[in-house]
Amino acid sequence: MSVDSGGRVISCGLTGPVLRLCDVSRVYPGNPPVNALYDVTFEVGLRESVAIVGPSGSGKTTMLSIMGLLDDPTSGEVWISGVSAAQLSGARRSQLRSTSIGFVFQDFRLLPTLSAMENVELGMLYQGYRRRVRSEFAARALDVVGLSKRRNHLPAELSGGEQQRVAIARALAGGPAIILADEPTGALDQATGMNIVDLILDLASQNGTAIVLITHDLSVAASCSRRVSLLDGMVCDSR
């Protein structure tokens, strides 16, 4: 581990997959228990873009939660940036999640009382960046997504596409190793949605960031370099 110029703790020397699931299963207790994921082994390489597709109930959301360290597998192991999450305390897991993973959600998840600039800065608060650096990186990220002139607007003053651009800027601003995008086009019309997907993939490629995109839309999935299909909690196809 080392510290960058912004005062953030970073990991060095990553040469293997940026994300790896090893024989991951997730069983939700009940009568009967629900097997949401079953023995999933899955890797994402540096700079790779992967679409996860499958019908409702196939395990996509559960898989994203486990990849994002928001939920624990019942069995198996999750590795992020060469670090096994199973070996970490709760605080260290949170640190790994905040420094290595960026999230983009269908419903944007912007705080309504904060400006676009403040929402992007907030995404870096727990990464250890100093305030000046957070402001600098947030302004740069909003400029990259074409919203430099809208940085002081509240979410309610932005269109759906603009709100998703703010969410993308928030996800990318801290320089994560991987972005997890959960149905990022679901709340947008088709044309705006495809523009958003192109933007995410283009920016991720420029920054050397891997991306995993959860989607029902096969046209969206076709934009990624690889597609993984889930059915009944199992990987049934990968191409």
C-alpha atoms as a PDB file:
ATOM      1  CA  MET A   1       0.000   0.000   0.000  1.00  0.00           C
ATOM      2  CA  SER A   2       1.041   3.610  -0.573  1.00  0.00           C
ATOM      3  CA  VAL A   3      -0.416   7.128  -0.428  1.00  0.00           C
ATOM      4  CA  ASP A   4      -1.079   9.282  -3.485  1.00  0.00           C
ATOM      5  CA  SER A   5      -0.708  13.053  -3.839  1.00  0.00           C
ATOM      6  CA  GLY A   6      -4.267  13.563  -2.619  1.00  0.00           C
ATOM      7  CA  GLY A   7      -3.559  11.807   0.649  1.00  0.00           C
ATOM      8  CA  ARG A   8      -5.510   8.689  -0.313  1.00  0.00           C
ATOM      9  CA  VAL A   9      -4.368   5.165   0.512  1.00  0.00           C
ATOM     10  CA  ILE A  10      -3.942   3.190  -2.697  1.00  0.00           C
ATOM     11  CA  SER A  11      -2.807  -0.307  -3.639  1.00  0.00           C
ATOM     12  CA  CYS A  12       0.069  -0.906  -6.052  1.00  0.00           C
ATOM     13  CA  GLY A  13       1.325  -3.588  -8.372  1.00  0.00           C
ATOM     14  CA  LEU A  14      -1.992  -5.112  -9.454  1.00  0.00           C
ATOM     15  CA  THR A  15      -1.348  -7.468 -12.351  1.00  0.00           C
ATOM     16  CA  GLY A  16      -4.162 -10.042 -12.034  1.00  0.00           C
ATOM     17  CA  PRO A  17      -7.951  -9.652 -12.294  1.00  0.00           C
ATOM     18  CA  VAL A  18      -9.384  -6.524 -10.725  1.00  0.00           C
ATOM     19  CA  LEU A  19     -12.415  -8.555  -9.562  1.00  0.00           C
ATOM     20  CA  ARG A  20     -12.704 -12.259  -8.889  1.00  0.00           C
ATOM     21  CA  LEU A  21     -15.501 -14.411  -7.465  1.00  0.00           C
ATOM     22  CA  CYS A  22     -14.426 -17.923  -6.483  1.00  0.00           C
ATOM     23  CA  ASP A  23     -17.194 -20.537  -6.052  1.00  0.00           C
ATOM     24  CA  VAL A  24     -19.537 -17.919  -4.639  1.00  0.00           C
ATOM     25  CA  SER A  25     -22.979 -19.001  -3.413  1.00  0.00           C
ATOM     26  CA  ARG A  26     -25.636 -16.954  -1.646  1.00  0.00           C
ATOM     27  CA  VAL A  27     -28.504 -18.630   0.182  1.00  0.00           C
ATOM     28  CA  TYR A  28     -31.232 -16.542   1.814  1.00  0.00           C
ATOM     29  CA  PRO A  29     -32.808 -18.292   4.796  1.00  0.00           C
ATOM     30  CA  GLY A  30     -36.476 -19.192   4.611  1.00  0.00           C
ATOM     31  CA  ASN A  31     -38.817 -22.108   4.211  1.00  0.00           C
ATOM     32  CA  PRO A  32     -37.613 -23.221   1.782  1.00  0.00           C
ATOM     33  CA  PRO A  33     -34.262 -21.364   1.537  1.00  0.00           C
ATOM     34  CA  VAL A  34     -33.674 -19.316  -1.627  1.00  0.00           C
ATOM     35  CA  ASN A  35     -30.519 -20.146  -3.591  1.00  0.00           C
ATOM     36  CA  ALA A  36     -29.854 -16.763  -5.202  1.00  0.00           C
ATOM     37  CA  LEU A  37     -26.354 -17.664  -6.457  1.00  0.00           C
ATOM     38  CA  TYR A  38     -24.800 -21.084  -6.856  1.00  0.00           C
ATOM     39  CA  ASP A  39     -21.045 -21.747  -7.206  1.00  0.00           C
ATOM     40  CA  VAL A  40     -20.333 -18.686  -9.357  1.00  0.00           C
ATOM     41  CA  THR A  41     -16.739 -18.263 -10.501  1.00  0.00           C
ATOM     42  CA  PHE A  42     -16.144 -15.079 -12.430  1.00  0.00           C
ATOM     43  CA  GLU A  43     -13.281 -12.708 -13.245  1.00  0.00           C
ATOM     44  CA  VAL A  44     -12.978  -9.193 -14.637  1.00  0.00           C
ATOM     45  CA  GLY A  45      -9.632  -8.095 -16.026  1.00  0.00           C
ATOM     46  CA  LEU A  46      -8.066  -4.663 -16.072  1.00  0.00           C
ATOM     47  CA  ARG A  47      -9.832  -2.315 -18.531  1.00  0.00           C
ATOM     48  CA  GLU A  48     -12.412  -4.991 -19.372  1.00  0.00           C
ATOM     49  CA  SER A  49     -16.119  -4.188 -19.834  1.00  0.00           C
ATOM     50  CA  VAL A  50     -18.537  -6.979 -18.936  1.00  0.00           C
ATOM     51  CA  ALA A  51     -22.333  -7.069 -19.197  1.00  0.00           C
ATOM     52  CA  ILE A  52     -24.256  -9.306 -16.778  1.00  0.00           C
ATOM     53  CA  VAL A  53     -27.595 -10.297 -18.303  1.00  0.00           C
ATOM     54  CA  GLY A  54     -30.467 -12.527 -17.297  1.00  0.00           C
ATOM     55  CA  PRO A  55     -34.190 -12.481 -16.509  1.00  0.00           C
ATOM     56  CA  SER A  56     -35.627 -11.067 -13.297  1.00  0.00           C
ATOM     57  CA  GLY A  57     -34.802 -13.380 -10.404  1.00  0.00           C
ATOM     58  CA  SER A  58     -31.709 -14.778 -12.088  1.00  0.00           C
ATOM     59  CA  GLY A  59     -29.353 -13.450  -9.389  1.00  0.00           C
ATOM     60  CA  LYS A  60     -28.003 -10.285 -11.057  1.00  0.00           C
ATOM     61  CA  THR A  61     -28.741  -7.937  -8.160  1.00  0.00           C
ATOM     62  CA  THR A  62     -27.387 -10.406  -5.605  1.00  0.00           C
ATOM     63  CA  MET A  63     -24.234 -10.824  -7.680  1.00  0.00           C
ATOM     64  CA  LEU A  64     -23.737  -7.054  -7.886  1.00  0.00           C
ATOM     65  CA  SER A  65     -24.207  -6.664  -4.127  1.00  0.00           C
ATOM     66  CA  ILE A  66     -21.572  -9.316  -3.473  1.00  0.00           C
ATOM     67  CA  MET A  67     -19.152  -7.900  -6.071  1.00  0.00           C
ATOM     68  CA  GLY A  68     -19.585  -4.462  -4.487  1.00  0.00           C
ATOM     69  CA  LEU A  69     -18.943  -5.797  -0.953  1.00  0.00           C
ATOM     70  CA  LEU A  70     -22.436  -4.712   0.054  1.00  0.00           C
ATOM     71  CA  ASP A  71     -23.380  -8.280   0.955  1.00  0.00           C
ATOM     72  CA  ASP A  72     -21.437 -11.371   2.013  1.00  0.00           C
ATOM     73  CA  PRO A  73     -21.564 -14.687   0.168  1.00  0.00           C
ATOM     74  CA  THR A  74     -22.801 -17.705   2.091  1.00  0.00           C
ATOM     75  CA  SER A  75     -19.753 -19.532   0.767  1.00  0.00           C
ATOM     76  CA  GLY A  76     -16.897 -18.772  -1.589  1.00  0.00           C
ATOM     77  CA  GLU A  77     -14.551 -15.810  -1.782  1.00  0.00           C
ATOM     78  CA  VAL A  78     -14.491 -12.324  -3.324  1.00  0.00           C
ATOM     79  CA  TRP A  79     -11.243 -10.647  -4.385  1.00  0.00           C
ATOM     80  CA  ILE A  80     -11.061  -6.924  -5.233  1.00  0.00           C
ATOM     81  CA  SER A  81      -7.832  -5.410  -6.582  1.00  0.00           C
ATOM     82  CA  GLY A  82      -5.919  -8.499  -5.480  1.00  0.00           C
ATOM     83  CA  VAL A  83      -7.283  -8.388  -1.911  1.00  0.00           C
ATOM     84  CA  SER A  84      -9.521 -11.088  -0.414  1.00  0.00           C
ATOM     85  CA  ALA A  85     -12.515  -9.427   1.260  1.00  0.00           C
ATOM     86  CA  ALA A  86     -12.970 -12.441   3.534  1.00  0.00           C
ATOM     87  CA  GLN A  87      -9.760 -11.592   5.357  1.00  0.00           C
ATOM     88  CA  LEU A  88     -10.725  -7.999   6.152  1.00  0.00           C
ATOM     89  CA  SER A  89     -12.415  -6.373   9.130  1.00  0.00           C
ATOM     90  CA  GLY A  90     -15.565  -4.351   8.536  1.00  0.00           C
ATOM     91  CA  ALA A  91     -13.601  -1.095   8.491  1.00  0.00           C
ATOM     92  CA  ARG A  92     -11.044  -2.433   6.036  1.00  0.00           C
ATOM     93  CA  ARG A  93     -13.806  -3.768   3.777  1.00  0.00           C
ATOM     94  CA  SER A  94     -15.407  -0.318   3.744  1.00  0.00           C
ATOM     95  CA  GLN A  95     -12.066   1.237   2.878  1.00  0.00           C
ATOM     96  CA  LEU A  96     -11.491  -1.243   0.064  1.00  0.00           C
ATOM     97  CA  ARG A  97     -14.985  -0.608  -1.289  1.00  0.00           C
ATOM     98  CA  SER A  98     -14.616   3.178  -1.198  1.00  0.00           C
ATOM     99  CA  THR A  99     -11.185   3.245  -2.829  1.00  0.00           C
ATOM    100  CA  SER A 100     -11.586   0.501  -5.435  1.00  0.00           C
ATOM    101  CA  ILE A 101     -15.254   0.477  -6.494  1.00  0.00           C
ATOM    102  CA  GLY A 102     -17.468   3.122  -8.081  1.00  0.00           C
ATOM    103  CA  PHE A 103     -21.241   2.622  -8.282  1.00  0.00           C
ATOM    104  CA  VAL A 104     -23.779   3.855 -10.844  1.00  0.00           C
ATOM    105  CA  PHE A 105     -27.425   3.060 -10.084  1.00  0.00           C
ATOM    106  CA  GLN A 106     -30.651   3.143 -12.090  1.00  0.00           C
ATOM    107  CA  ASP A 107     -32.218   5.737  -9.778  1.00  0.00           C
ATOM    108  CA  PHE A 108     -29.096   7.969  -9.687  1.00  0.00           C
ATOM    109  CA  ARG A 109     -29.028   8.167  -5.862  1.00  0.00           C
ATOM    110  CA  LEU A 110     -28.102  11.832  -5.700  1.00  0.00           C
ATOM    111  CA  LEU A 111     -28.802  13.746  -2.507  1.00  0.00           C
ATOM    112  CA  PRO A 112     -31.545  16.258  -3.405  1.00  0.00           C
ATOM    113  CA  THR A 113     -30.257  19.067  -1.169  1.00  0.00           C
ATOM    114  CA  LEU A 114     -26.727  19.001  -2.604  1.00  0.00           C
ATOM    115  CA  SER A 115     -25.547  20.509  -5.875  1.00  0.00           C
ATOM    116  CA  ALA A 116     -24.068  18.375  -8.649  1.00  0.00           C
ATOM    117  CA  MET A 117     -20.600  19.432  -7.498  1.00  0.00           C
ATOM    118  CA  GLU A 118     -21.327  18.545  -3.868  1.00  0.00           C
ATOM    119  CA  ASN A 119     -22.771  15.152  -4.827  1.00  0.00           C
ATOM    120  CA  VAL A 120     -19.611  14.273  -6.733  1.00  0.00           C
ATOM    121  CA  GLU A 121     -17.400  15.496  -3.882  1.00  0.00           C
ATOM    122  CA  LEU A 122     -19.389  13.431  -1.397  1.00  0.00           C
ATOM    123  CA  GLY A 123     -18.486  10.304  -3.318  1.00  0.00           C
ATOM    124  CA  MET A 124     -14.818  10.931  -2.465  1.00  0.00           C
ATOM    125  CA  LEU A 125     -15.319  11.905   1.174  1.00  0.00           C
ATOM    126  CA  TYR A 126     -14.611   8.424   2.532  1.00  0.00           C
ATOM    127  CA  GLN A 127     -11.667   7.849   0.216  1.00  0.00           C
ATOM    128  CA  GLY A 128      -9.347  10.032   2.254  1.00  0.00           C
ATOM    129  CA  TYR A 129      -8.956  12.855  -0.261  1.00  0.00           C
ATOM    130  CA  ARG A 130      -8.341  16.310   1.173  1.00  0.00           C
ATOM    131  CA  ARG A 131     -11.120  18.856   0.626  1.00  0.00           C
ATOM    132  CA  ARG A 132      -9.173  20.878  -1.946  1.00  0.00           C
ATOM    133  CA  VAL A 133      -8.391  17.757  -3.946  1.00  0.00           C
ATOM    134  CA  ARG A 134     -12.018  16.575  -3.761  1.00  0.00           C
ATOM    135  CA  SER A 135     -13.177  19.895  -5.203  1.00  0.00           C
ATOM    136  CA  GLU A 136     -10.563  19.799  -7.952  1.00  0.00           C
ATOM    137  CA  PHE A 137     -11.366  16.209  -8.949  1.00  0.00           C
ATOM    138  CA  ALA A 138     -15.136  16.804  -8.802  1.00  0.00           C
ATOM    139  CA  ALA A 139     -14.884  19.860 -11.060  1.00  0.00           C
ATOM    140  CA  ARG A 140     -12.728  17.905 -13.509  1.00  0.00           C
ATOM    141  CA  ALA A 141     -15.135  14.933 -13.533  1.00  0.00           C
ATOM    142  CA  LEU A 142     -18.159  17.155 -14.189  1.00  0.00           C
ATOM    143  CA  ASP A 143     -16.285  18.862 -17.008  1.00  0.00           C
ATOM    144  CA  VAL A 144     -15.505  15.460 -18.563  1.00  0.00           C
ATOM    145  CA  VAL A 145     -19.195  14.451 -18.550  1.00  0.00           C
ATOM    146  CA  GLY A 146     -20.186  17.811 -20.032  1.00  0.00           C
ATOM    147  CA  LEU A 147     -21.737  19.392 -16.951  1.00  0.00           C
ATOM    148  CA  SER A 148     -19.218  22.059 -15.963  1.00  0.00           C
ATOM    149  CA  LYS A 149     -21.869  24.761 -16.433  1.00  0.00           C
ATOM    150  CA  ARG A 150     -24.406  22.836 -14.324  1.00  0.00           C
ATOM    151  CA  ARG A 151     -22.184  22.093 -11.339  1.00  0.00           C
ATOM    152  CA  ASN A 152     -24.158  24.347  -8.960  1.00  0.00           C
ATOM    153  CA  HIS A 153     -27.573  22.979  -9.924  1.00  0.00           C
ATOM    154  CA  LEU A 154     -29.588  20.725  -7.605  1.00  0.00           C
ATOM    155  CA  PRO A 155     -30.694  17.299  -8.918  1.00  0.00           C
ATOM    156  CA  ALA A 156     -34.291  18.519  -9.333  1.00  0.00           C
ATOM    157  CA  GLU A 157     -32.998  21.167 -11.739  1.00  0.00           C
ATOM    158  CA  LEU A 158     -31.347  18.555 -13.972  1.00  0.00           C
ATOM    159  CA  SER A 159     -32.837  16.186 -16.540  1.00  0.00           C
ATOM    160  CA  GLY A 160     -32.671  12.423 -16.000  1.00  0.00           C
ATOM    161  CA  GLY A 161     -29.745  12.130 -18.387  1.00  0.00           C
ATOM    162  CA  GLU A 162     -27.904  14.953 -16.619  1.00  0.00           C
ATOM    163  CA  GLN A 163     -28.501  13.343 -13.223  1.00  0.00           C
ATOM    164  CA  GLN A 164     -27.031  10.084 -14.506  1.00  0.00           C
ATOM    165  CA  ARG A 165     -24.015  12.024 -15.806  1.00  0.00           C
ATOM    166  CA  VAL A 166     -23.516  13.409 -12.314  1.00  0.00           C
ATOM    167  CA  ALA A 167     -23.686   9.845 -10.978  1.00  0.00           C
ATOM    168  CA  ILE A 168     -21.065   8.780 -13.531  1.00  0.00           C
ATOM    169  CA  ALA A 169     -18.818  11.683 -12.537  1.00  0.00           C
ATOM    170  CA  ARG A 170     -19.227  10.669  -8.885  1.00  0.00           C
ATOM    171  CA  ALA A 171     -18.285   7.064  -9.677  1.00  0.00           C
ATOM    172  CA  LEU A 172     -15.205   8.002 -11.717  1.00  0.00           C
ATOM    173  CA  ALA A 173     -13.882  11.014  -9.794  1.00  0.00           C
ATOM    174  CA  GLY A 174     -11.958   9.028  -7.189  1.00  0.00           C
ATOM    175  CA  GLY A 175     -10.214   6.804  -9.736  1.00  0.00           C
ATOM    176  CA  PRO A 176     -11.688   3.385  -8.798  1.00  0.00           C
ATOM    177  CA  ALA A 177     -10.312   0.149 -10.220  1.00  0.00           C
ATOM    178  CA  ILE A 178     -13.810  -0.983 -11.233  1.00  0.00           C
ATOM    179  CA  ILE A 179     -17.248   0.506 -11.770  1.00  0.00           C
ATOM    180  CA  LEU A 180     -20.401  -1.485 -11.046  1.00  0.00           C
ATOM    181  CA  ALA A 181     -23.368  -0.097 -12.979  1.00  0.00           C
ATOM    182  CA  ASP A 182     -26.804  -1.433 -12.027  1.00  0.00           C
ATOM    183  CA  GLU A 183     -29.315  -0.919 -14.882  1.00  0.00           C
ATOM    184  CA  PRO A 184     -27.908   2.595 -15.538  1.00  0.00           C
ATOM    185  CA  THR A 185     -30.323   3.144 -18.453  1.00  0.00           C
ATOM    186  CA  GLY A 186     -33.465   1.879 -16.717  1.00  0.00           C
ATOM    187  CA  ALA A 187     -34.886   5.331 -15.886  1.00  0.00           C
ATOM    188  CA  LEU A 188     -33.960   6.890 -19.233  1.00  0.00           C
ATOM    189  CA  ASP A 189     -35.386   6.872 -22.743  1.00  0.00           C
ATOM    190  CA  GLN A 190     -33.591   4.631 -25.242  1.00  0.00           C
ATOM    191  CA  ALA A 191     -31.569   7.326 -27.008  1.00  0.00           C
ATOM    192  CA  THR A 192     -30.425   8.951 -23.768  1.00  0.00           C
ATOM    193  CA  GLY A 193     -29.719   5.539 -22.280  1.00  0.00           C
ATOM    194  CA  MET A 194     -27.431   4.497 -25.117  1.00  0.00           C
ATOM    195  CA  ASN A 195     -25.599   7.834 -24.885  1.00  0.00           C
ATOM    196  CA  ILE A 196     -25.070   7.183 -21.175  1.00  0.00           C
ATOM    197  CA  VAL A 197     -23.727   3.668 -21.827  1.00  0.00           C
ATOM    198  CA  ASP A 198     -21.345   4.982 -24.488  1.00  0.00           C
ATOM    199  CA  LEU A 199     -20.164   7.666 -22.069  1.00  0.00           C
ATOM    200  CA  ILE A 200     -19.552   5.205 -19.224  1.00  0.00           C
ATOM    201  CA  LEU A 201     -17.623   2.812 -21.441  1.00  0.00           C
ATOM    202  CA  ASP A 202     -15.603   5.569 -23.107  1.00  0.00           C
ATOM    203  CA  LEU A 203     -14.605   7.241 -19.848  1.00  0.00           C
ATOM    204  CA  ALA A 204     -13.843   3.931 -18.157  1.00  0.00           C
ATOM    205  CA  SER A 205     -11.593   2.990 -21.075  1.00  0.00           C
ATOM    206  CA  GLN A 206      -9.785   6.332 -20.964  1.00  0.00           C
ATOM    207  CA  ASN A 207      -9.178   5.980 -17.224  1.00  0.00           C
ATOM    208  CA  GLY A 208      -8.123   2.325 -17.387  1.00  0.00           C
ATOM    209  CA  THR A 209     -11.137   1.368 -15.270  1.00  0.00           C
ATOM    210  CA  ALA A 210     -12.902  -1.997 -15.569  1.00  0.00           C
ATOM    211  CA  ILE A 211     -16.686  -1.985 -15.694  1.00  0.00           C
ATOM    212  CA  VAL A 212     -19.414  -4.496 -14.890  1.00  0.00           C
ATOM    213  CA  LEU A 213     -22.806  -3.469 -16.210  1.00  0.00           C
ATOM    214  CA  ILE A 214     -26.019  -5.167 -15.056  1.00  0.00           C
ATOM    215  CA  THR A 215     -28.725  -4.909 -17.707  1.00  0.00           C
ATOM    216  CA  HIS A 216     -31.879  -6.470 -19.146  1.00  0.00           C
ATOM    217  CA  ASP A 217     -31.208  -4.740 -22.471  1.00  0.00           C
ATOM    218  CA  LEU A 218     -29.266  -6.884 -24.950  1.00  0.00           C
ATOM    219  CA  SER A 219     -28.458  -3.833 -27.091  1.00  0.00           C
ATOM    220  CA  VAL A 220     -26.749  -2.318 -24.045  1.00  0.00           C
ATOM    221  CA  ALA A 221     -24.949  -5.600 -23.360  1.00  0.00           C
ATOM    222  CA  ALA A 222     -23.685  -5.676 -26.940  1.00  0.00           C
ATOM    223  CA  SER A 223     -21.696  -2.504 -26.249  1.00  0.00           C
ATOM    224  CA  CYS A 224     -19.486  -4.357 -23.751  1.00  0.00           C
ATOM    225  CA  SER A 225     -16.477  -6.494 -24.642  1.00  0.00           C
ATOM    226  CA  ARG A 226     -17.926  -9.582 -22.912  1.00  0.00           C
ATOM    227  CA  ARG A 227     -21.352 -10.841 -21.876  1.00  0.00           C
ATOM    228  CA  VAL A 228     -22.106 -13.190 -18.977  1.00  0.00           C
ATOM    229  CA  SER A 229     -25.588 -14.728 -18.713  1.00  0.00           C
ATOM    230  CA  LEU A 230     -27.151 -15.761 -15.410  1.00  0.00           C
ATOM    231  CA  LEU A 231     -30.057 -18.146 -15.011  1.00  0.00           C
ATOM    232  CA  ASP A 232     -31.385 -19.414 -11.672  1.00  0.00           C
ATOM    233  CA  GLY A 233     -28.291 -18.119  -9.882  1.00  0.00           C
ATOM    234  CA  MET A 234     -25.805 -19.876 -12.145  1.00  0.00           C
ATOM    235  CA  VAL A 235     -23.575 -18.688 -14.993  1.00  0.00           C
ATOM    236  CA  CYS A 236     -25.049 -20.382 -18.055  1.00  0.00           C
ATOM    237  CA  ASP A 237     -23.050 -18.599 -20.751  1.00  0.00           C
ATOM    238  CA  SER A 238     -19.958 -16.392 -21.048  1.00  0.00           C
ATOM    239  CA  ARG A 239     -18.731 -15.031 -24.386  1.00  0.00           C
END
